[in-house]
Amino acid sequence: MILTVHVKPRAKSNKVIAWLDRETVKVAVVAAPEKGRANEAVIKLLSQELKIAPSQIELIRGATTRMKQFEIPDQAFKNPA
C-alpha cells in the first residue's frame, strides 16, 4: 500500500497531526530536513503509529520534499483512524 505523508519538520514534538483519509496522513517531526534526519524521524513515527517494524516502511518518493510517499505492506497496515 502507498501511504502519502505531509511532513512538518522542525516541529515542537513528533506526532501525527491528522489522518486525512486511509492513505494520507499529516505528521510533525522535531528533526530538521538535513541529511535525511526528518525522513528517519517520519519512518520511526509511522512505525510506532502503525505498530510495525521500521524496516517494513520504505520511502519511495519525496526524499527532499514535504510531501512523501511510503510503501507499507498491505498485511501490516491497520488504519488507526
Protein backbone atom coordinates (compact mmCIF):
# COMPACT_ATOMS: atom_id res chain seq x y z
CA MET A 1 0.00 0.00 0.00
CA ILE A 2 1.22 3.52 -0.76
CA LEU A 3 0.87 5.98 2.14
CA THR A 4 1.12 9.70 1.35
CA VAL A 5 2.61 11.75 4.19
CA HIS A 6 2.63 15.55 4.57
CA VAL A 7 5.58 16.38 6.83
CA LYS A 8 6.16 19.43 9.01
CA PRO A 9 9.84 19.38 10.01
CA ARG A 10 11.31 21.31 12.96
CA ALA A 11 8.12 20.98 14.98
CA LYS A 12 7.95 21.11 18.78
CA SER A 13 7.21 17.39 19.04
CA ASN A 14 6.92 14.23 16.98
CA LYS A 15 3.24 13.49 16.41
CA VAL A 16 0.58 12.50 13.94
CA ILE A 17 -1.45 15.64 13.33
CA ALA A 18 -4.32 14.05 11.40
CA TRP A 19 -5.34 11.14 9.22
CA LEU A 20 -6.89 12.85 6.19
CA ASP A 21 -8.10 9.53 4.78
CA ARG A 22 -6.98 5.90 4.79
CA GLU A 23 -3.95 6.65 2.59
CA THR A 24 -2.96 10.19 3.65
CA VAL A 25 -1.58 11.46 6.94
CA LYS A 26 -0.11 14.74 8.26
CA VAL A 27 2.79 14.44 10.69
CA ALA A 28 5.13 16.76 12.57
CA VAL A 29 8.71 15.85 13.46
CA VAL A 30 11.32 17.62 15.56
CA ALA A 31 14.17 16.73 13.19
CA ALA A 32 15.46 19.21 10.65
CA PRO A 33 15.30 18.26 6.97
CA GLU A 34 19.07 17.75 6.75
CA LYS A 35 20.94 14.58 5.76
CA GLY A 36 17.74 12.51 5.85
CA ARG A 37 17.11 13.09 9.56
CA ALA A 38 13.49 14.16 9.06
CA ASN A 39 12.84 11.13 6.83
CA GLU A 40 14.23 8.83 9.53
CA ALA A 41 12.05 10.54 12.14
CA VAL A 42 8.95 10.08 9.97
CA ILE A 43 9.71 6.39 9.48
CA LYS A 44 10.16 5.93 13.23
CA LEU A 45 6.91 7.80 13.97
CA LEU A 46 4.95 5.80 11.38
CA SER A 47 6.34 2.51 12.69
CA GLN A 48 5.16 3.40 16.21
CA GLU A 49 1.75 4.57 15.00
CA LEU A 50 1.13 1.54 12.77
CA LYS A 51 2.84 -0.90 15.18
CA ILE A 52 5.17 -2.34 12.54
CA ALA A 53 8.95 -2.53 12.25
CA PRO A 54 10.71 0.47 10.68
CA SER A 55 12.30 -1.92 8.18
CA GLN A 56 8.83 -2.57 6.72
CA ILE A 57 8.45 1.10 5.72
CA GLU A 58 10.20 2.23 2.54
CA LEU A 59 10.43 5.80 1.26
CA ILE A 60 9.64 5.59 -2.44
CA ARG A 61 9.09 9.24 -3.41
CA GLY A 62 9.77 12.68 -1.93
CA ALA A 63 13.13 12.32 -0.18
CA THR A 64 13.72 16.08 -0.35
CA THR A 65 10.15 17.43 -0.24
CA ARG A 66 7.49 17.78 2.44
CA MET A 67 5.09 15.51 0.59
CA LYS A 68 6.38 11.95 0.70
CA GLN A 69 5.15 8.53 -0.28
CA PHE A 70 5.97 5.39 1.65
CA GLU A 71 5.44 1.75 0.73
CA ILE A 72 3.87 -0.19 3.57
CA PRO A 73 2.94 -3.89 3.34
CA ASP A 74 -0.83 -4.35 3.00
CA GLN A 75 -0.97 -7.02 5.67
CA ALA A 76 0.90 -4.80 8.14
CA PHE A 77 -1.28 -1.72 7.66
CA LYS A 78 -4.08 -1.18 10.12
CA ASN A 79 -5.95 2.09 9.83
CA PRO A 80 -5.64 3.81 13.22
CA ALA A 81 -8.19 6.47 12.26
